[in-house]
Every structure is written in structure tokens, then in C-alpha cells.
């Protein structure tokens, strides 16, 4: 997976963020995935398809980039939707 380039860069804790490297998605283990699902459930409650939730997208992006969870909550609505779609598609698509 390639870089995720923001349409609208954000400033977070004094640093400008313009893109994120989501290539770490390929390296996640089943244990990582289970942990992300459990964390999402702890924050949002049970969800029929957690891979489509914003919280799951934020947690996953934070996990694979090493950036803070709260950074992803500052993205524009358009970038948030794109990030949620890209991460959800990674998990739900049938290559």
C-alpha cells in the first residue's frame, strides 16, 4: 500500500502532516487485528462491521504509522472519509 496523501494537510502538536505511510497494514498479524477490533469495541461498543468505523480506521492508522490516535481526529472530513475507505477496503476486499 502506498502513501496516503492528505488533500488538506493538518498541523498537529506543531508539526505539519501532509501524508501517512500505511504500508504497515501489510505487516499486521492476526493478533494485531484482534487487538484493533477489541480496542474499537471498547471505545464504540459492538459494531456489525467494525472495519467500517472511524474509530477502527483511526486506531489502525495510529498503529501502522506510529502517530498519535488524536492526530487522525483532526483530519478534514474528506480526508477522514478517504482514510476510512482505504483502511476498510484493505481488510474487507477480496484481492
PDB file of N, CA and C in Angstrom:
ATOM      1  N   UNK A   1       0.856  -1.173   0.000  1.00  0.00           N
ATOM      2  CA  UNK A   1       0.000   0.000   0.000  1.00  0.00           C
ATOM      3  C   UNK A   1       0.900   1.233   0.000  1.00  0.00           C
ATOM      4  N   UNK A   2       0.503   2.184  -0.737  1.00  0.00           N
ATOM      5  CA  UNK A   2       1.313   3.387  -0.890  1.00  0.00           C
ATOM      6  C   UNK A   2       0.982   4.426   0.175  1.00  0.00           C
ATOM      7  N   UNK A   3       1.596   5.546   0.030  1.00  0.00           N
ATOM      8  CA  UNK A   3       1.360   6.650   0.961  1.00  0.00           C
ATOM      9  C   UNK A   3      -0.068   7.164   0.802  1.00  0.00           C
ATOM     10  N   UNK A   4      -0.602   7.636   1.902  1.00  0.00           N
ATOM     11  CA  UNK A   4      -1.907   8.278   1.917  1.00  0.00           C
ATOM     12  C   UNK A   4      -1.640   9.770   1.973  1.00  0.00           C
ATOM     13  N   UNK A   5      -1.915  10.460   0.886  1.00  0.00           N
ATOM     14  CA  UNK A   5      -1.637  11.892   0.788  1.00  0.00           C
ATOM     15  C   UNK A   5      -2.901  12.664   1.151  1.00  0.00           C
ATOM     16  N   UNK A   6      -2.759  13.569   2.109  1.00  0.00           N
ATOM     17  CA  UNK A   6      -3.900  14.376   2.539  1.00  0.00           C
ATOM     18  C   UNK A   6      -4.243  15.431   1.499  1.00  0.00           C
ATOM     19  N   UNK A   7      -5.519  15.617   1.271  1.00  0.00           N
ATOM     20  CA  UNK A   7      -5.981  16.694   0.394  1.00  0.00           C
ATOM     21  C   UNK A   7      -5.822  18.035   1.102  1.00  0.00           C
ATOM     22  N   UNK A   8      -5.962  17.988   2.440  1.00  0.00           N
ATOM     23  CA  UNK A   8      -5.838  19.196   3.252  1.00  0.00           C
ATOM     24  C   UNK A   8      -4.891  18.876   4.421  1.00  0.00           C
ATOM     25  N   UNK A   9      -3.611  19.253   4.302  1.00  0.00           N
ATOM     26  CA  UNK A   9      -2.653  18.978   5.377  1.00  0.00           C
ATOM     27  C   UNK A   9      -3.128  19.548   6.714  1.00  0.00           C
ATOM     28  N   UNK A  10      -2.666  18.925   7.803  1.00  0.00           N
ATOM     29  CA  UNK A  10      -3.035  19.370   9.144  1.00  0.00           C
ATOM     30  C   UNK A  10      -1.780  19.686   9.954  1.00  0.00           C
ATOM     31  N   UNK A  11      -1.940  20.573  10.917  1.00  0.00           N
ATOM     32  CA  UNK A  11      -0.879  20.850  11.889  1.00  0.00           C
ATOM     33  C   UNK A  11      -1.294  20.187  13.188  1.00  0.00           C
ATOM     34  N   UNK A  12      -0.397  19.387  13.725  1.00  0.00           N
ATOM     35  CA  UNK A  12      -0.674  18.681  14.969  1.00  0.00           C
ATOM     36  C   UNK A  12       0.549  18.767  15.858  1.00  0.00           C
ATOM     37  N   UNK A  13       0.363  19.327  17.034  1.00  0.00           N
ATOM     38  CA  UNK A  13       1.444  19.495  18.001  1.00  0.00           C
ATOM     39  C   UNK A  13       2.670  20.163  17.369  1.00  0.00           C
ATOM     40  N   UNK A  14       2.400  21.195  16.560  1.00  0.00           N
ATOM     41  CA  UNK A  14       3.472  21.985  15.958  1.00  0.00           C
ATOM     42  C   UNK A  14       4.122  21.381  14.729  1.00  0.00           C
ATOM     43  N   UNK A  15       3.599  20.256  14.252  1.00  0.00           N
ATOM     44  CA  UNK A  15       4.176  19.627  13.064  1.00  0.00           C
ATOM     45  C   UNK A  15       3.134  19.559  11.951  1.00  0.00           C
ATOM     46  N   UNK A  16       3.568  19.857  10.736  1.00  0.00           N
ATOM     47  CA  UNK A  16       2.673  19.790   9.584  1.00  0.00           C
ATOM     48  C   UNK A  16       2.677  18.361   9.045  1.00  0.00           C
ATOM     49  N   UNK A  17       1.492  17.801   8.894  1.00  0.00           N
ATOM     50  CA  UNK A  17       1.338  16.449   8.355  1.00  0.00           C
ATOM     51  C   UNK A  17       0.673  16.546   6.991  1.00  0.00           C
ATOM     52  N   UNK A  18       1.350  16.002   5.990  1.00  0.00           N
ATOM     53  CA  UNK A  18       0.827  16.048   4.624  1.00  0.00           C
ATOM     54  C   UNK A  18       0.518  14.670   4.060  1.00  0.00           C
ATOM     55  N   UNK A  19       1.136  13.631   4.647  1.00  0.00           N
ATOM     56  CA  UNK A  19       0.906  12.276   4.161  1.00  0.00           C
ATOM     57  C   UNK A  19       1.242  11.273   5.263  1.00  0.00           C
ATOM     58  N   UNK A  20       0.736  10.064   5.100  1.00  0.00           N
ATOM     59  CA  UNK A  20       0.992   8.979   6.035  1.00  0.00           C
ATOM     60  C   UNK A  20       1.392   7.741   5.258  1.00  0.00           C
ATOM     61  N   UNK A  21       2.301   6.989   5.806  1.00  0.00           N
ATOM     62  CA  UNK A  21       2.719   5.733   5.197  1.00  0.00           C
ATOM     63  C   UNK A  21       1.902   4.607   5.819  1.00  0.00           C
ATOM     64  N   UNK A  22       0.991   4.053   5.064  1.00  0.00           N
ATOM     65  CA  UNK A  22       0.133   2.978   5.547  1.00  0.00           C
ATOM     66  C   UNK A  22       0.632   1.599   5.129  1.00  0.00           C
ATOM     67  N   UNK A  23       1.862   1.513   4.654  1.00  0.00           N
ATOM     68  CA  UNK A  23       2.390   0.221   4.192  1.00  0.00           C
ATOM     69  C   UNK A  23       2.444  -0.810   5.319  1.00  0.00           C
ATOM     70  N   UNK A  24       2.441  -0.345   6.567  1.00  0.00           N
ATOM     71  CA  UNK A  24       2.452  -1.259   7.701  1.00  0.00           C
ATOM     72  C   UNK A  24       1.206  -2.127   7.798  1.00  0.00           C
ATOM     73  N   UNK A  25       0.158  -1.784   7.067  1.00  0.00           N
ATOM     74  CA  UNK A  25      -1.041  -2.623   7.057  1.00  0.00           C
ATOM     75  C   UNK A  25      -0.699  -4.047   6.628  1.00  0.00           C
ATOM     76  N   UNK A  26       0.206  -4.166   5.685  1.00  0.00           N
ATOM     77  CA  UNK A  26       0.609  -5.477   5.160  1.00  0.00           C
ATOM     78  C   UNK A  26       1.302  -6.329   6.218  1.00  0.00           C
ATOM     79  N   UNK A  27       1.852  -5.676   7.243  1.00  0.00           N
ATOM     80  CA  UNK A  27       2.632  -6.386   8.259  1.00  0.00           C
ATOM     81  C   UNK A  27       1.818  -6.754   9.503  1.00  0.00           C
ATOM     82  N   UNK A  28       0.581  -6.302   9.593  1.00  0.00           N
ATOM     83  CA  UNK A  28      -0.227  -6.601  10.773  1.00  0.00           C
ATOM     84  C   UNK A  28      -0.467  -8.103  10.892  1.00  0.00           C
ATOM     85  N   UNK A  29      -0.404  -8.588  12.118  1.00  0.00           N
ATOM     86  CA  UNK A  29      -0.677 -10.005  12.376  1.00  0.00           C
ATOM     87  C   UNK A  29      -2.143 -10.184  12.750  1.00  0.00           C
ATOM     88  N   UNK A  30      -2.561 -11.410  12.828  1.00  0.00           N
ATOM     89  CA  UNK A  30      -3.914 -11.706  13.293  1.00  0.00           C
ATOM     90  C   UNK A  30      -4.125 -11.203  14.705  1.00  0.00           C
ATOM     91  N   UNK A  31      -3.086 -11.290  15.528  1.00  0.00           N
ATOM     92  CA  UNK A  31      -3.157 -10.787  16.902  1.00  0.00           C
ATOM     93  C   UNK A  31      -3.335  -9.270  16.914  1.00  0.00           C
ATOM     94  N   UNK A  32      -2.611  -8.567  16.025  1.00  0.00           N
ATOM     95  CA  UNK A  32      -2.773  -7.114  15.906  1.00  0.00           C
ATOM     96  C   UNK A  32      -4.209  -6.773  15.520  1.00  0.00           C
ATOM     97  N   UNK A  33      -4.728  -7.506  14.542  1.00  0.00           N
ATOM     98  CA  UNK A  33      -6.087  -7.273  14.056  1.00  0.00           C
ATOM     99  C   UNK A  33      -7.102  -7.477  15.182  1.00  0.00           C
ATOM    100  N   UNK A  34      -6.942  -8.559  15.939  1.00  0.00           N
ATOM    101  CA  UNK A  34      -7.858  -8.843  17.052  1.00  0.00           C
ATOM    102  C   UNK A  34      -7.784  -7.726  18.095  1.00  0.00           C
ATOM    103  N   UNK A  35      -6.588  -7.238  18.356  1.00  0.00           N
ATOM    104  CA  UNK A  35      -6.409  -6.152  19.318  1.00  0.00           C
ATOM    105  C   UNK A  35      -7.096  -4.873  18.840  1.00  0.00           C
ATOM    106  N   UNK A  36      -6.964  -4.562  17.556  1.00  0.00           N
ATOM    107  CA  UNK A  36      -7.622  -3.379  16.998  1.00  0.00           C
ATOM    108  C   UNK A  36      -9.141  -3.501  17.092  1.00  0.00           C
ATOM    109  N   UNK A  37      -9.674  -4.696  16.825  1.00  0.00           N
ATOM    110  CA  UNK A  37     -11.117  -4.912  16.945  1.00  0.00           C
ATOM    111  C   UNK A  37     -11.582  -4.723  18.386  1.00  0.00           C
ATOM    112  N   UNK A  38     -10.815  -5.259  19.333  1.00  0.00           N
ATOM    113  CA  UNK A  38     -11.175  -5.153  20.751  1.00  0.00           C
ATOM    114  C   UNK A  38     -11.109  -3.699  21.215  1.00  0.00           C
ATOM    115  N   UNK A  39     -10.075  -2.974  20.799  1.00  0.00           N
ATOM    116  CA  UNK A  39      -9.960  -1.562  21.168  1.00  0.00           C
ATOM    117  C   UNK A  39     -11.134  -0.761  20.615  1.00  0.00           C
ATOM    118  N   UNK A  40     -11.505  -1.048  19.379  1.00  0.00           N
ATOM    119  CA  UNK A  40     -12.637  -0.361  18.756  1.00  0.00           C
ATOM    120  C   UNK A  40     -13.914  -0.645  19.539  1.00  0.00           C
ATOM    121  N   UNK A  41     -14.105  -1.910  19.915  1.00  0.00           N
ATOM    122  CA  UNK A  41     -15.296  -2.287  20.678  1.00  0.00           C
ATOM    123  C   UNK A  41     -15.308  -1.604  22.048  1.00  0.00           C
ATOM    124  N   UNK A  42     -14.149  -1.486  22.679  1.00  0.00           N
ATOM    125  CA  UNK A  42     -14.071  -0.827  23.986  1.00  0.00           C
ATOM    126  C   UNK A  42     -14.436   0.651  23.898  1.00  0.00           C
ATOM    127  N   UNK A  43     -14.132   1.288  22.776  1.00  0.00           N
ATOM    128  CA  UNK A  43     -14.422   2.718  22.604  1.00  0.00           C
ATOM    129  C   UNK A  43     -15.849   2.943  22.104  1.00  0.00           C
ATOM    130  N   UNK A  44     -16.234   2.190  21.081  1.00  0.00           N
ATOM    131  CA  UNK A  44     -17.518   2.420  20.411  1.00  0.00           C
ATOM    132  C   UNK A  44     -18.639   1.469  20.816  1.00  0.00           C
ATOM    133  N   UNK A  45     -18.311   0.366  21.457  1.00  0.00           N
ATOM    134  CA  UNK A  45     -19.303  -0.674  21.694  1.00  0.00           C
ATOM    135  C   UNK A  45     -19.289  -1.627  20.506  1.00  0.00           C
ATOM    136  N   UNK A  46     -20.135  -2.626  20.560  1.00  0.00           N
ATOM    137  CA  UNK A  46     -20.184  -3.627  19.493  1.00  0.00           C
ATOM    138  C   UNK A  46     -20.642  -2.992  18.183  1.00  0.00           C
ATOM    139  N   UNK A  47     -20.088  -3.470  17.089  1.00  0.00           N
ATOM    140  CA  UNK A  47     -20.419  -2.956  15.760  1.00  0.00           C
ATOM    141  C   UNK A  47     -20.516  -4.136  14.809  1.00  0.00           C
ATOM    142  N   UNK A  48     -21.484  -4.091  13.932  1.00  0.00           N
ATOM    143  CA  UNK A  48     -21.662  -5.183  12.969  1.00  0.00           C
ATOM    144  C   UNK A  48     -20.446  -5.325  12.053  1.00  0.00           C
ATOM    145  N   UNK A  49     -19.900  -4.201  11.605  1.00  0.00           N
ATOM    146  CA  UNK A  49     -18.734  -4.222  10.712  1.00  0.00           C
ATOM    147  C   UNK A  49     -17.745  -3.182  11.225  1.00  0.00           C
ATOM    148  N   UNK A  50     -16.935  -3.548  12.228  1.00  0.00           N
ATOM    149  CA  UNK A  50     -16.032  -2.564  12.825  1.00  0.00           C
ATOM    150  C   UNK A  50     -15.025  -1.985  11.833  1.00  0.00           C
ATOM    151  N   UNK A  51     -14.688  -2.737  10.794  1.00  0.00           N
ATOM    152  CA  UNK A  51     -13.730  -2.245   9.799  1.00  0.00           C
ATOM    153  C   UNK A  51     -14.226  -1.010   9.066  1.00  0.00           C
ATOM    154  N   UNK A  52     -15.507  -0.711   9.175  1.00  0.00           N
ATOM    155  CA  UNK A  52     -16.064   0.479   8.533  1.00  0.00           C
ATOM    156  C   UNK A  52     -16.199   1.662   9.494  1.00  0.00           C
ATOM    157  N   UNK A  53     -15.786   1.466  10.746  1.00  0.00           N
ATOM    158  CA  UNK A  53     -15.940   2.556  11.722  1.00  0.00           C
ATOM    159  C   UNK A  53     -14.748   3.506  11.673  1.00  0.00           C
ATOM    160  N   UNK A  54     -15.011   4.748  12.021  1.00  0.00           N
ATOM    161  CA  UNK A  54     -13.939   5.743  12.076  1.00  0.00           C
ATOM    162  C   UNK A  54     -12.933   5.391  13.159  1.00  0.00           C
ATOM    163  N   UNK A  55     -13.424   4.925  14.291  1.00  0.00           N
ATOM    164  CA  UNK A  55     -12.515   4.583  15.386  1.00  0.00           C
ATOM    165  C   UNK A  55     -11.546   3.496  14.947  1.00  0.00           C
ATOM    166  N   UNK A  56     -12.034   2.471  14.265  1.00  0.00           N
ATOM    167  CA  UNK A  56     -11.158   1.406  13.775  1.00  0.00           C
ATOM    168  C   UNK A  56     -10.121   1.979  12.804  1.00  0.00           C
ATOM    169  N   UNK A  57     -10.547   2.872  11.921  1.00  0.00           N
ATOM    170  CA  UNK A  57      -9.616   3.489  10.966  1.00  0.00           C
ATOM    171  C   UNK A  57      -8.549   4.295  11.699  1.00  0.00           C
ATOM    172  N   UNK A  58      -8.963   5.093  12.676  1.00  0.00           N
ATOM    173  CA  UNK A  58      -8.001   5.900  13.438  1.00  0.00           C
ATOM    174  C   UNK A  58      -7.022   5.016  14.207  1.00  0.00           C
ATOM    175  N   UNK A  59      -7.541   3.987  14.888  1.00  0.00           N
ATOM    176  CA  UNK A  59      -6.673   3.089  15.658  1.00  0.00           C
ATOM    177  C   UNK A  59      -5.693   2.362  14.754  1.00  0.00           C
ATOM    178  N   UNK A  60      -6.180   1.914  13.614  1.00  0.00           N
ATOM    179  CA  UNK A  60      -5.323   1.180  12.683  1.00  0.00           C
ATOM    180  C   UNK A  60      -4.252   2.094  12.106  1.00  0.00           C
ATOM    181  N   UNK A  61      -4.657   3.289  11.691  1.00  0.00           N
ATOM    182  CA  UNK A  61      -3.687   4.243  11.152  1.00  0.00           C
ATOM    183  C   UNK A  61      -2.632   4.582  12.195  1.00  0.00           C
ATOM    184  N   UNK A  62      -3.055   4.780  13.437  1.00  0.00           N
ATOM    185  CA  UNK A  62      -2.104   5.079  14.517  1.00  0.00           C
ATOM    186  C   UNK A  62      -1.145   3.907  14.721  1.00  0.00           C
ATOM    187  N   UNK A  63      -1.671   2.704  14.692  1.00  0.00           N
ATOM    188  CA  UNK A  63      -0.842   1.507  14.890  1.00  0.00           C
ATOM    189  C   UNK A  63       0.222   1.379  13.804  1.00  0.00           C
ATOM    190  N   UNK A  64      -0.166   1.530  12.551  1.00  0.00           N
ATOM    191  CA  UNK A  64       0.789   1.281  11.455  1.00  0.00           C
ATOM    192  C   UNK A  64       1.718   2.458  11.175  1.00  0.00           C
ATOM    193  N   UNK A  65       1.337   3.655  11.599  1.00  0.00           N
ATOM    194  CA  UNK A  65       2.204   4.816  11.349  1.00  0.00           C
ATOM    195  C   UNK A  65       3.038   5.212  12.568  1.00  0.00           C
ATOM    196  N   UNK A  66       2.595   4.783  13.751  1.00  0.00           N
ATOM    197  CA  UNK A  66       3.270   5.196  14.974  1.00  0.00           C
ATOM    198  C   UNK A  66       2.907   6.614  15.402  1.00  0.00           C
ATOM    199  N   UNK A  67       1.925   7.195  14.736  1.00  0.00           N
ATOM    200  CA  UNK A  67       1.469   8.551  15.054  1.00  0.00           C
ATOM    201  C   UNK A  67       0.316   8.480  16.056  1.00  0.00           C
ATOM    202  N   UNK A  68       0.073   9.562  16.793  1.00  0.00           N
ATOM    203  CA  UNK A  68      -0.989   9.546  17.811  1.00  0.00           C
ATOM    204  C   UNK A  68      -2.397   9.408  17.222  1.00  0.00           C
ATOM    205  N   UNK A  69      -3.223   8.642  17.927  1.00  0.00           N
ATOM    206  CA  UNK A  69      -4.631   8.454  17.581  1.00  0.00           C
ATOM    207  C   UNK A  69      -5.316   9.797  17.373  1.00  0.00           C
ATOM    208  N   UNK A  70      -5.064  10.741  18.276  1.00  0.00           N
ATOM    209  CA  UNK A  70      -5.744  12.046  18.219  1.00  0.00           C
ATOM    210  C   UNK A  70      -5.395  12.846  16.968  1.00  0.00           C
ATOM    211  N   UNK A  71      -4.253  12.594  16.376  1.00  0.00           N
ATOM    212  CA  UNK A  71      -3.893  13.286  15.136  1.00  0.00           C
ATOM    213  C   UNK A  71      -4.921  12.999  14.050  1.00  0.00           C
ATOM    214  N   UNK A  72      -5.352  11.765  13.961  1.00  0.00           N
ATOM    215  CA  UNK A  72      -6.265  11.376  12.880  1.00  0.00           C
ATOM    216  C   UNK A  72      -7.649  11.996  13.046  1.00  0.00           C
ATOM    217  N   UNK A  73      -7.998  12.354  14.277  1.00  0.00           N
ATOM    218  CA  UNK A  73      -9.283  13.022  14.514  1.00  0.00           C
ATOM    219  C   UNK A  73      -9.270  14.468  14.034  1.00  0.00           C
ATOM    220  N   UNK A  74      -8.099  15.002  13.691  1.00  0.00           N
ATOM    221  CA  UNK A  74      -8.007  16.393  13.219  1.00  0.00           C
ATOM    222  C   UNK A  74      -8.075  16.502  11.693  1.00  0.00           C
ATOM    223  N   UNK A  75      -8.138  15.375  11.000  1.00  0.00           N
ATOM    224  CA  UNK A  75      -8.195  15.415   9.533  1.00  0.00           C
ATOM    225  C   UNK A  75      -9.494  16.054   9.061  1.00  0.00           C
ATOM    226  N   UNK A  76      -9.467  16.594   7.866  1.00  0.00           N
ATOM    227  CA  UNK A  76     -10.692  17.139   7.273  1.00  0.00           C
ATOM    228  C   UNK A  76     -11.699  16.006   7.068  1.00  0.00           C
ATOM    229  N   UNK A  77     -12.947  16.365   6.915  1.00  0.00           N
ATOM    230  CA  UNK A  77     -13.984  15.356   6.702  1.00  0.00           C
ATOM    231  C   UNK A  77     -13.690  14.525   5.453  1.00  0.00           C
ATOM    232  N   UNK A  78     -13.261  15.182   4.386  1.00  0.00           N
ATOM    233  CA  UNK A  78     -12.956  14.470   3.130  1.00  0.00           C
ATOM    234  C   UNK A  78     -11.807  13.483   3.338  1.00  0.00           C
ATOM    235  N   UNK A  79     -10.730  13.923   3.997  1.00  0.00           N
ATOM    236  CA  UNK A  79      -9.594  13.025   4.246  1.00  0.00           C
ATOM    237  C   UNK A  79      -9.983  11.902   5.200  1.00  0.00           C
ATOM    238  N   UNK A  80     -10.825  12.199   6.178  1.00  0.00           N
ATOM    239  CA  UNK A  80     -11.295  11.174   7.103  1.00  0.00           C
ATOM    240  C   UNK A  80     -12.068  10.096   6.363  1.00  0.00           C
ATOM    241  N   UNK A  81     -12.958  10.510   5.483  1.00  0.00           N
ATOM    242  CA  UNK A  81     -13.742   9.545   4.701  1.00  0.00           C
ATOM    243  C   UNK A  81     -12.837   8.696   3.808  1.00  0.00           C
ATOM    244  N   UNK A  82     -11.855   9.327   3.196  1.00  0.00           N
ATOM    245  CA  UNK A  82     -10.930   8.598   2.332  1.00  0.00           C
ATOM    246  C   UNK A  82     -10.090   7.597   3.131  1.00  0.00           C
ATOM    247  N   UNK A  83      -9.632   8.013   4.316  1.00  0.00           N
ATOM    248  CA  UNK A  83      -8.835   7.132   5.170  1.00  0.00           C
ATOM    249  C   UNK A  83      -9.671   5.933   5.618  1.00  0.00           C
ATOM    250  N   UNK A  84     -10.886   6.195   6.052  1.00  0.00           N
ATOM    251  CA  UNK A  84     -11.773   5.105   6.489  1.00  0.00           C
ATOM    252  C   UNK A  84     -12.023   4.128   5.344  1.00  0.00           C
ATOM    253  N   UNK A  85     -12.249   4.653   4.163  1.00  0.00           N
ATOM    254  CA  UNK A  85     -12.486   3.803   3.000  1.00  0.00           C
ATOM    255  C   UNK A  85     -11.244   2.969   2.670  1.00  0.00           C
ATOM    256  N   UNK A  86     -10.083   3.598   2.656  1.00  0.00           N
ATOM    257  CA  UNK A  86      -8.855   2.896   2.275  1.00  0.00           C
ATOM    258  C   UNK A  86      -8.524   1.780   3.273  1.00  0.00           C
ATOM    259  N   UNK A  87      -8.637   2.068   4.556  1.00  0.00           N
ATOM    260  CA  UNK A  87      -8.318   1.048   5.563  1.00  0.00           C
ATOM    261  C   UNK A  87      -9.396  -0.044   5.560  1.00  0.00           C
ATOM    262  N   UNK A  88     -10.654   0.358   5.503  1.00  0.00           N
ATOM    263  CA  UNK A  88     -11.728  -0.636   5.450  1.00  0.00           C
ATOM    264  C   UNK A  88     -11.622  -1.529   4.238  1.00  0.00           C
ATOM    265  N   UNK A  89     -11.302  -0.946   3.100  1.00  0.00           N
ATOM    266  CA  UNK A  89     -11.142  -1.726   1.872  1.00  0.00           C
ATOM    267  C   UNK A  89      -9.981  -2.706   1.963  1.00  0.00           C
ATOM    268  N   UNK A  90      -8.911  -2.302   2.640  1.00  0.00           N
ATOM    269  CA  UNK A  90      -7.777  -3.206   2.807  1.00  0.00           C
ATOM    270  C   UNK A  90      -8.215  -4.492   3.499  1.00  0.00           C
ATOM    271  N   UNK A  91      -9.016  -4.358   4.547  1.00  0.00           N
ATOM    272  CA  UNK A  91      -9.435  -5.520   5.315  1.00  0.00           C
ATOM    273  C   UNK A  91     -10.595  -6.289   4.675  1.00  0.00           C
ATOM    274  N   UNK A  92     -11.479  -5.593   4.006  1.00  0.00           N
ATOM    275  CA  UNK A  92     -12.698  -6.226   3.518  1.00  0.00           C
ATOM    276  C   UNK A  92     -12.669  -6.673   2.063  1.00  0.00           C
ATOM    277  N   UNK A  93     -11.690  -6.198   1.297  1.00  0.00           N
ATOM    278  CA  UNK A  93     -11.670  -6.579  -0.114  1.00  0.00           C
ATOM    279  C   UNK A  93     -11.140  -7.988  -0.293  1.00  0.00           C
ATOM    280  N   UNK A  94     -11.575  -8.608  -1.352  1.00  0.00           N
ATOM    281  CA  UNK A  94     -11.117  -9.948  -1.698  1.00  0.00           C
ATOM    282  C   UNK A  94     -10.136  -9.834  -2.854  1.00  0.00           C
ATOM    283  N   UNK A  95      -8.898  -9.593  -2.529  1.00  0.00           N
ATOM    284  CA  UNK A  95      -7.860  -9.375  -3.551  1.00  0.00           C
ATOM    285  C   UNK A  95      -8.081 -10.180  -4.754  1.00  0.00           C
TER     286      UNK A  95
END
